[in-house]
Each structure stands twice: as C-alpha cells, then as structure tokens.
Amino acid sequence: GAYSVYLSLVGILAIIASFKYELAIILPKSDKESINVFFLSSIINFSFCAVLFLGILIFKKHLLKFLNLSDEYSYYLYFVPLGIFFYNLYQCINNWLTRQKKFFALSVNKFVRRGGEGLFQVIFKYLKIPQGIILGDIIGHISNLISGFYQASKSGFSISNFSISKIKY
C-alpha cells in the first residue's frame, strides 16, 4: 500500500514538476535551442524537487496524516522528490531522442530501465530489505538515465551547447 502511495505521488507531482517543458524539447528548429530547453526543464524539475523535499522535511507529520500512512513508512516520502526528479529527467532524454528519431535507442532505454528495476527489486526482496521495491524503482530510473545519456551523446547531445542567455530567452 505504501508503494502505491509513493507511485501515486510521483505520478501526480511529476506532471507539474517541470511545467511540462520537456515536451517543448522536440519543437525548436535547432539542436542548440533544444538542448537549452532540455536544461531549462531540468533546472525547473530540480528546483521543484528541492522545494518539495524541504516541504516534506517541514510538514512530514501532516503529510503522513493526510496520506493515511503510518510512521513506519514515513521514509517513503523522502523518496518521492528523487523519483520525480529521475522520472522527469528520463522524459527529457526520451524527448531528445524522439527529436533525433532514435526510436531503437528509446526501446533499449526502456528495456534497461525495466530490467534494472526488476532485477534489483528481486535482489532486495531476497535480502529482506523492506524499502527494496522503491529502491528498485529508483535504480531502474538511474539505469535508464545512464543508458539515455549514453544514447543521447551518440546522437549529438552535448553540454557544451548549454547557455544561460539562451535559457533566459
């Protein structure tokens, strides 16, 4: 049940975490502009998740009561900002790869994510780590990000195109 609450919170809050700027990565005419939209979305996402984490630290007791979670599952709340951040970063990479028409890379990334997630959830189950299902989800996201950044770098994604002035524009 607590994992279901975690997934619900991540699913709902991920929609607003980057103000859906990750969808705009596909639109610009040049790749340089698109990369700056990628970074803008990532910065907004990180800022949202940092504020959310602080809110959880400050209002944890109220959130637990509102979500009807017992204190023994309170640590699940701390994983929510991390899950949101990784999920939205993954969406940014997917939209970059879609822009580049790298559909095979998208399927490889999905396979890596689900494979890593499932493998570690099973390992954590046998190690009797109670939060293993959430840790497996986070590890799946990290696996996907590693694979995604590798695939994106092969398709022309470069941090050197990052520009604060372009982001402000």
Protein backbone atom coordinates (compact mmCIF):
# COMPACT_ATOMS: atom_id res chain seq x y z
CA GLY A 1 0.00 0.00 0.00
CA ALA A 2 2.80 2.44 0.84
CA TYR A 3 4.43 1.74 -2.52
CA SER A 4 1.11 2.54 -4.19
CA VAL A 5 1.03 5.88 -2.36
CA TYR A 6 4.62 6.53 -3.49
CA LEU A 7 3.76 5.75 -7.14
CA SER A 8 0.62 7.89 -6.99
CA LEU A 9 2.51 10.87 -5.57
CA VAL A 10 5.30 10.55 -8.12
CA GLY A 11 2.80 10.16 -10.96
CA ILE A 12 0.75 13.19 -9.97
CA LEU A 13 3.58 15.53 -8.98
CA ALA A 14 5.77 14.60 -11.97
CA ILE A 15 3.17 16.24 -14.20
CA ILE A 16 3.80 19.66 -12.68
CA ALA A 17 7.46 19.30 -11.64
CA SER A 18 8.90 20.72 -14.85
CA PHE A 19 5.80 22.56 -16.04
CA LYS A 20 5.84 20.10 -18.98
CA TYR A 21 8.77 21.92 -20.60
CA GLU A 22 10.17 18.51 -21.51
CA LEU A 23 7.54 18.35 -24.24
CA ALA A 24 8.99 21.51 -25.80
CA ILE A 25 12.36 19.80 -26.38
CA ILE A 26 11.04 18.47 -29.68
CA LEU A 27 9.87 21.86 -31.02
CA PRO A 28 12.91 24.15 -31.65
CA LYS A 29 14.39 24.33 -35.12
CA SER A 30 17.99 23.90 -33.97
CA ASP A 31 19.51 21.29 -31.69
CA LYS A 32 21.28 24.03 -29.68
CA GLU A 33 17.94 25.60 -28.79
CA SER A 34 16.53 22.19 -27.98
CA ILE A 35 19.40 21.40 -25.63
CA ASN A 36 18.78 24.65 -23.79
CA VAL A 37 15.09 23.77 -23.41
CA PHE A 38 16.32 20.41 -22.03
CA PHE A 39 18.40 22.24 -19.41
CA LEU A 40 15.59 24.67 -18.61
CA SER A 41 13.24 21.75 -17.97
CA SER A 42 15.89 20.03 -15.84
CA ILE A 43 16.52 23.17 -13.77
CA ILE A 44 12.80 23.69 -13.14
CA ASN A 45 12.46 20.00 -12.27
CA PHE A 46 15.39 20.13 -9.82
CA SER A 47 14.05 23.32 -8.19
CA PHE A 48 10.59 21.82 -7.76
CA CYS A 49 12.03 18.64 -6.23
CA ALA A 50 14.28 20.61 -3.85
CA VAL A 51 11.32 22.68 -2.62
CA LEU A 52 9.23 19.51 -2.32
CA PHE A 53 11.95 17.84 -0.25
CA LEU A 54 12.07 20.83 2.09
CA GLY A 55 8.28 20.74 2.35
CA ILE A 56 8.41 17.07 3.28
CA LEU A 57 11.03 17.78 5.95
CA ILE A 58 8.92 20.56 7.44
CA PHE A 59 5.42 19.07 7.09
CA LYS A 60 6.13 15.33 7.35
CA LYS A 61 3.70 14.66 10.20
CA HIS A 62 0.87 16.49 8.45
CA LEU A 63 1.55 14.70 5.17
CA LEU A 64 1.56 11.31 6.87
CA LYS A 65 -1.80 12.07 8.44
CA PHE A 66 -3.22 13.39 5.14
CA LEU A 67 -1.98 10.34 3.20
CA ASN A 68 -3.06 7.97 5.97
CA LEU A 69 0.44 6.46 6.25
CA SER A 70 1.83 5.12 9.48
CA ASP A 71 5.12 6.42 10.89
CA GLU A 72 6.90 3.20 9.94
CA TYR A 73 6.50 4.15 6.26
CA SER A 74 7.41 7.81 6.68
CA TYR A 75 10.75 7.32 4.94
CA TYR A 76 8.85 6.56 1.70
CA LEU A 77 8.03 10.27 1.48
CA TYR A 78 11.73 11.13 1.16
CA PHE A 79 11.97 9.03 -2.00
CA VAL A 80 9.18 10.97 -3.75
CA PRO A 81 11.28 14.01 -4.83
CA LEU A 82 14.04 11.69 -6.03
CA GLY A 83 11.59 9.59 -8.04
CA ILE A 84 10.04 12.71 -9.57
CA PHE A 85 13.43 14.18 -10.49
CA PHE A 86 14.65 11.00 -12.16
CA TYR A 87 11.34 10.41 -13.95
CA ASN A 88 11.26 13.92 -15.46
CA LEU A 89 14.92 13.78 -16.42
CA TYR A 90 14.15 10.49 -18.15
CA GLN A 91 11.29 12.20 -20.01
CA CYS A 92 13.68 14.95 -21.16
CA ILE A 93 16.10 12.38 -22.55
CA ASN A 94 13.27 10.50 -24.26
CA ASN A 95 12.07 13.68 -25.93
CA TRP A 96 15.60 14.49 -27.10
CA LEU A 97 15.91 11.00 -28.59
CA THR A 98 12.47 11.33 -30.18
CA ARG A 99 13.58 14.63 -31.72
CA GLN A 100 16.61 12.84 -33.16
CA LYS A 101 14.39 9.96 -34.40
CA LYS A 102 16.39 7.43 -32.34
CA PHE A 103 13.49 5.07 -31.71
CA PHE A 104 15.65 1.98 -31.26
CA ALA A 105 17.59 3.84 -28.55
CA LEU A 106 14.28 4.61 -26.83
CA SER A 107 13.38 0.93 -26.74
CA VAL A 108 16.84 -0.01 -25.45
CA ASN A 109 16.48 2.54 -22.66
CA LYS A 110 13.07 1.18 -21.70
CA PHE A 111 14.48 -2.35 -21.61
CA VAL A 112 17.44 -1.25 -19.46
CA ARG A 113 15.13 0.58 -17.06
CA ARG A 114 12.68 -2.26 -16.56
CA GLY A 115 15.44 -4.87 -16.44
CA GLY A 116 17.39 -2.96 -13.79
CA GLU A 117 14.26 -2.21 -11.81
CA GLY A 118 13.03 -5.80 -11.77
CA LEU A 119 16.45 -7.30 -11.07
CA PHE A 120 17.11 -5.08 -8.07
CA GLN A 121 13.59 -5.44 -6.68
CA VAL A 122 14.04 -9.21 -6.69
CA ILE A 123 17.51 -8.93 -5.13
CA PHE A 124 16.21 -6.61 -2.40
CA LYS A 125 13.31 -9.00 -1.73
CA TYR A 126 15.70 -11.87 -1.08
CA LEU A 127 17.92 -9.63 1.05
CA LYS A 128 14.76 -8.77 3.01
CA ILE A 129 15.17 -5.02 2.54
CA PRO A 130 11.66 -3.62 3.13
CA GLN A 131 12.08 -0.48 1.00
CA GLY A 132 13.58 -2.56 -1.81
CA ILE A 133 10.61 -2.07 -4.11
CA ILE A 134 11.13 1.70 -4.09
CA LEU A 135 14.92 1.38 -4.28
CA GLY A 136 14.46 -0.90 -7.29
CA ASP A 137 12.31 1.78 -8.93
CA ILE A 138 14.97 4.43 -8.27
CA ILE A 139 17.75 2.14 -9.56
CA GLY A 140 15.65 1.48 -12.67
CA HIS A 141 15.43 5.23 -13.27
CA ILE A 142 19.19 5.62 -12.76
CA SER A 143 19.86 2.74 -15.18
CA ASN A 144 17.63 4.40 -17.74
CA LEU A 145 19.36 7.75 -17.27
CA ILE A 146 22.82 6.24 -17.76
CA SER A 147 21.67 4.44 -20.88
CA GLY A 148 19.74 7.51 -22.06
CA PHE A 149 22.64 9.92 -21.66
CA TYR A 150 24.89 7.48 -23.48
CA GLN A 151 22.36 7.19 -26.34
CA ALA A 152 21.82 10.98 -26.39
CA SER A 153 25.56 11.70 -26.52
CA LYS A 154 25.82 9.39 -29.55
CA SER A 155 23.08 11.43 -31.25
CA GLY A 156 24.68 14.86 -30.83
CA PHE A 157 23.63 15.89 -27.32
CA SER A 158 26.40 17.99 -25.79
CA ILE A 159 26.62 20.04 -22.60
CA SER A 160 28.82 22.50 -24.48
CA ASN A 161 25.66 23.86 -26.15
CA PHE A 162 24.29 24.96 -22.76
CA SER A 163 23.87 28.74 -22.48
CA ILE A 164 22.32 30.72 -19.65
CA SER A 165 21.39 33.54 -22.05
CA LYS A 166 19.59 31.09 -24.36
CA ILE A 167 17.70 29.65 -21.40
CA LYS A 168 16.60 33.13 -20.33
CA TYR A 169 15.47 33.80 -23.90
